[in-house]
N, C-alpha and C. Protein backbone atom coordinates (compact mmCIF):
# COMPACT_ATOMS: atom_id res chain seq x y z
N MET A 1 -126.18 113.46 95.17
CA MET A 1 -124.89 112.87 94.87
C MET A 1 -124.88 112.37 93.43
N ARG A 2 -123.80 112.67 92.71
CA ARG A 2 -123.67 112.25 91.31
C ARG A 2 -123.33 110.77 91.22
N ASN A 3 -123.59 110.21 90.07
CA ASN A 3 -123.21 108.82 89.82
C ASN A 3 -121.87 108.84 89.09
N ASN A 4 -120.80 109.10 89.81
CA ASN A 4 -119.47 109.24 89.24
C ASN A 4 -118.59 108.11 89.78
N ALA A 5 -117.96 107.36 88.87
CA ALA A 5 -117.14 106.22 89.29
C ALA A 5 -115.84 106.64 89.96
N MET A 6 -115.47 107.92 89.87
CA MET A 6 -114.22 108.38 90.46
C MET A 6 -114.39 108.88 91.90
N GLU A 7 -115.53 108.67 92.50
CA GLU A 7 -115.73 109.07 93.88
C GLU A 7 -115.02 108.08 94.80
N PRO A 8 -114.32 108.58 95.82
CA PRO A 8 -113.52 107.70 96.68
C PRO A 8 -114.32 106.58 97.34
N GLU A 9 -115.56 106.87 97.75
CA GLU A 9 -116.35 105.82 98.41
C GLU A 9 -116.64 104.67 97.45
N ILE A 10 -116.93 105.02 96.20
CA ILE A 10 -117.23 103.98 95.20
C ILE A 10 -115.98 103.18 94.89
N LEU A 11 -114.84 103.86 94.72
CA LEU A 11 -113.59 103.16 94.42
C LEU A 11 -113.17 102.25 95.58
N ALA A 12 -113.39 102.70 96.79
CA ALA A 12 -113.01 101.89 97.95
C ALA A 12 -113.85 100.62 98.05
N ALA A 13 -115.11 100.70 97.61
CA ALA A 13 -116.00 99.55 97.70
C ALA A 13 -115.91 98.64 96.47
N ALA A 14 -115.20 99.08 95.43
CA ALA A 14 -115.11 98.31 94.19
C ALA A 14 -114.32 97.03 94.41
N PRO A 15 -114.65 95.95 93.70
CA PRO A 15 -113.87 94.72 93.83
C PRO A 15 -112.44 94.95 93.32
N ARG A 16 -111.49 94.31 93.93
CA ARG A 16 -110.08 94.49 93.58
C ARG A 16 -109.67 93.56 92.45
N CYS A 17 -108.63 93.96 91.74
CA CYS A 17 -108.04 93.16 90.67
C CYS A 17 -107.47 91.87 91.26
N LEU A 18 -107.64 90.75 90.57
CA LEU A 18 -107.15 89.46 91.07
C LEU A 18 -105.77 89.10 90.56
N ALA A 19 -105.12 90.02 89.83
CA ALA A 19 -103.79 89.75 89.28
C ALA A 19 -102.72 89.88 90.36
N LYS A 20 -101.58 89.27 90.09
CA LYS A 20 -100.43 89.38 90.98
C LYS A 20 -99.43 90.35 90.36
N THR A 21 -98.76 91.15 91.20
CA THR A 21 -97.74 92.07 90.72
C THR A 21 -96.43 91.31 90.55
N ARG A 22 -95.39 92.03 90.12
CA ARG A 22 -94.09 91.39 89.95
C ARG A 22 -93.48 90.96 91.27
N LYS A 23 -93.92 91.57 92.35
CA LYS A 23 -93.46 91.18 93.68
C LYS A 23 -94.30 90.04 94.25
N ALA A 24 -95.21 89.51 93.48
CA ALA A 24 -96.10 88.40 93.87
C ALA A 24 -97.11 88.82 94.94
N THR A 25 -97.39 90.11 95.02
CA THR A 25 -98.44 90.59 95.91
C THR A 25 -99.69 90.87 95.08
N ALA A 26 -100.82 90.97 95.74
CA ALA A 26 -102.07 91.22 95.02
C ALA A 26 -102.09 92.66 94.50
N CYS A 27 -102.65 92.85 93.32
CA CYS A 27 -102.80 94.18 92.75
C CYS A 27 -103.82 94.95 93.58
N GLN A 28 -103.56 96.22 93.81
CA GLN A 28 -104.42 97.05 94.65
C GLN A 28 -105.47 97.80 93.85
N SER A 29 -105.40 97.79 92.53
CA SER A 29 -106.30 98.58 91.69
C SER A 29 -107.70 97.98 91.65
N PRO A 30 -108.71 98.82 91.44
CA PRO A 30 -110.07 98.28 91.29
C PRO A 30 -110.22 97.57 89.94
N ALA A 31 -110.98 96.50 89.93
CA ALA A 31 -111.21 95.75 88.69
C ALA A 31 -112.13 96.55 87.78
N VAL A 32 -112.01 96.32 86.48
CA VAL A 32 -112.89 96.94 85.50
C VAL A 32 -114.29 96.38 85.72
N LYS A 33 -115.29 97.21 85.56
CA LYS A 33 -116.67 96.80 85.81
C LYS A 33 -117.03 95.58 84.97
N GLY A 34 -117.50 94.54 85.61
CA GLY A 34 -117.89 93.31 84.93
C GLY A 34 -116.75 92.36 84.66
N ARG A 35 -115.54 92.68 85.09
CA ARG A 35 -114.38 91.83 84.86
C ARG A 35 -113.65 91.57 86.17
N LYS A 36 -112.62 90.71 86.11
CA LYS A 36 -111.88 90.37 87.32
C LYS A 36 -110.50 91.01 87.37
N ARG A 37 -110.12 91.76 86.33
CA ARG A 37 -108.80 92.38 86.27
C ARG A 37 -108.94 93.89 86.08
N CYS A 38 -107.91 94.63 86.52
CA CYS A 38 -107.89 96.08 86.33
C CYS A 38 -107.45 96.39 84.90
N ARG A 39 -107.47 97.66 84.54
CA ARG A 39 -107.12 98.05 83.17
C ARG A 39 -105.65 97.77 82.87
N MET A 40 -104.79 97.78 83.89
CA MET A 40 -103.36 97.55 83.67
C MET A 40 -103.03 96.07 83.52
N HIS A 41 -103.93 95.20 83.94
CA HIS A 41 -103.69 93.76 83.85
C HIS A 41 -104.63 93.09 82.85
N GLY A 42 -105.12 93.84 81.88
CA GLY A 42 -105.89 93.26 80.79
C GLY A 42 -107.38 93.25 80.98
N GLY A 43 -107.92 94.01 81.91
CA GLY A 43 -109.36 94.02 82.14
C GLY A 43 -110.15 94.62 80.99
N THR A 44 -109.51 95.50 80.19
CA THR A 44 -110.20 96.12 79.06
C THR A 44 -110.06 95.30 77.79
N ASN A 45 -109.23 94.26 77.81
CA ASN A 45 -109.04 93.41 76.65
C ASN A 45 -110.19 92.42 76.55
N PRO A 46 -110.81 92.28 75.38
CA PRO A 46 -111.94 91.36 75.26
C PRO A 46 -111.55 89.89 75.26
N GLY A 47 -110.27 89.58 75.15
CA GLY A 47 -109.84 88.19 75.17
C GLY A 47 -109.36 87.73 73.81
N ALA A 48 -109.16 86.45 73.68
CA ALA A 48 -108.67 85.87 72.43
C ALA A 48 -109.75 85.94 71.36
N PRO A 49 -109.34 85.99 70.09
CA PRO A 49 -110.32 86.00 69.01
C PRO A 49 -111.18 84.73 69.03
N LYS A 50 -112.39 84.85 68.57
CA LYS A 50 -113.29 83.69 68.53
C LYS A 50 -112.86 82.76 67.40
N GLY A 51 -113.21 81.53 67.52
CA GLY A 51 -112.85 80.55 66.50
C GLY A 51 -111.55 79.87 66.85
N ASN A 52 -111.01 79.11 65.94
CA ASN A 52 -109.82 78.32 66.21
C ASN A 52 -108.60 78.86 65.47
N GLN A 53 -108.59 80.14 65.09
CA GLN A 53 -107.47 80.69 64.34
C GLN A 53 -106.19 80.76 65.18
N ASN A 54 -106.31 80.85 66.50
CA ASN A 54 -105.11 80.90 67.33
C ASN A 54 -104.37 79.56 67.31
N ALA A 55 -105.06 78.47 67.09
CA ALA A 55 -104.44 77.15 67.12
C ALA A 55 -103.97 76.70 65.74
N ARG A 56 -104.07 77.55 64.74
CA ARG A 56 -103.72 77.18 63.37
C ARG A 56 -102.22 76.87 63.28
N LYS A 57 -101.88 75.79 62.62
CA LYS A 57 -100.49 75.38 62.44
C LYS A 57 -100.06 75.73 61.02
N HIS A 58 -98.87 76.30 60.88
CA HIS A 58 -98.40 76.68 59.56
C HIS A 58 -97.68 75.54 58.85
N GLY A 59 -97.21 74.53 59.55
CA GLY A 59 -96.58 73.37 58.93
C GLY A 59 -95.12 73.57 58.60
N GLY A 60 -94.52 74.67 59.03
CA GLY A 60 -93.13 74.96 58.71
C GLY A 60 -92.14 74.02 59.35
N TYR A 61 -92.53 73.31 60.38
CA TYR A 61 -91.64 72.40 61.08
C TYR A 61 -92.17 70.97 61.06
N SER A 62 -93.02 70.64 60.11
CA SER A 62 -93.56 69.29 60.03
C SER A 62 -92.47 68.34 59.52
N ALA A 63 -92.68 67.07 59.70
CA ALA A 63 -91.69 66.07 59.27
C ALA A 63 -91.48 66.14 57.76
N GLN A 64 -92.54 66.37 57.01
CA GLN A 64 -92.43 66.46 55.55
C GLN A 64 -91.58 67.66 55.14
N THR A 65 -91.77 68.79 55.78
CA THR A 65 -91.00 69.99 55.46
C THR A 65 -89.54 69.80 55.84
N LYS A 66 -89.28 69.19 57.00
CA LYS A 66 -87.90 68.95 57.42
C LYS A 66 -87.18 68.03 56.43
N GLU A 67 -87.88 67.00 55.97
CA GLU A 67 -87.28 66.07 55.01
C GLU A 67 -86.97 66.79 53.69
N ALA A 68 -87.87 67.66 53.25
CA ALA A 68 -87.64 68.42 52.02
C ALA A 68 -86.43 69.34 52.18
N MET A 69 -86.28 69.97 53.33
CA MET A 69 -85.13 70.85 53.56
C MET A 69 -83.82 70.06 53.59
N ARG A 70 -83.84 68.87 54.17
CA ARG A 70 -82.64 68.03 54.17
C ARG A 70 -82.26 67.67 52.73
N TYR A 71 -83.24 67.37 51.91
CA TYR A 71 -82.99 67.02 50.51
C TYR A 71 -82.39 68.21 49.76
N VAL A 72 -82.94 69.39 49.95
CA VAL A 72 -82.44 70.59 49.27
C VAL A 72 -81.01 70.89 49.72
N LYS A 73 -80.73 70.76 51.01
CA LYS A 73 -79.37 71.01 51.52
C LYS A 73 -78.37 70.00 50.97
N ALA A 74 -78.80 68.74 50.83
CA ALA A 74 -77.91 67.71 50.27
C ALA A 74 -77.58 68.03 48.82
N ILE A 75 -78.56 68.45 48.05
CA ILE A 75 -78.33 68.84 46.64
C ILE A 75 -77.39 70.04 46.59
N ALA A 76 -77.60 71.01 47.47
CA ALA A 76 -76.75 72.21 47.50
C ALA A 76 -75.31 71.83 47.83
N ARG A 77 -75.11 70.88 48.75
CA ARG A 77 -73.76 70.43 49.08
C ARG A 77 -73.10 69.77 47.88
N LEU A 78 -73.86 68.94 47.16
CA LEU A 78 -73.32 68.27 45.97
C LEU A 78 -72.90 69.28 44.92
N VAL A 79 -73.72 70.30 44.71
CA VAL A 79 -73.41 71.32 43.70
C VAL A 79 -72.20 72.14 44.13
N ARG A 80 -72.13 72.48 45.41
CA ARG A 80 -71.03 73.30 45.92
C ARG A 80 -69.70 72.54 45.87
N ASP A 81 -69.72 71.24 46.18
CA ASP A 81 -68.50 70.44 46.23
C ASP A 81 -68.10 69.85 44.88
N ALA A 82 -68.91 70.03 43.86
CA ALA A 82 -68.60 69.48 42.54
C ALA A 82 -67.40 70.23 41.95
N PRO A 83 -66.50 69.47 41.24
CA PRO A 83 -65.30 70.11 40.66
C PRO A 83 -65.60 71.01 39.49
């Protein structure tokens, strides 16, 4: 017997994906080897990048930036409404 992952006996014995479908039922697909999800539910994805780059804040909505934008808009209104 070959060591082929596509053999029905091997697929039937494989652990199932732990994801939920859109109908809120359990996914019927076999999980990717060494993972808990099938390929359609992200089992082949290695996950988030290492480090803290995902949590980086750009500062575009900070209080200081909002105050600067209010100042610029006030100046623009004065220039626009000037005779």
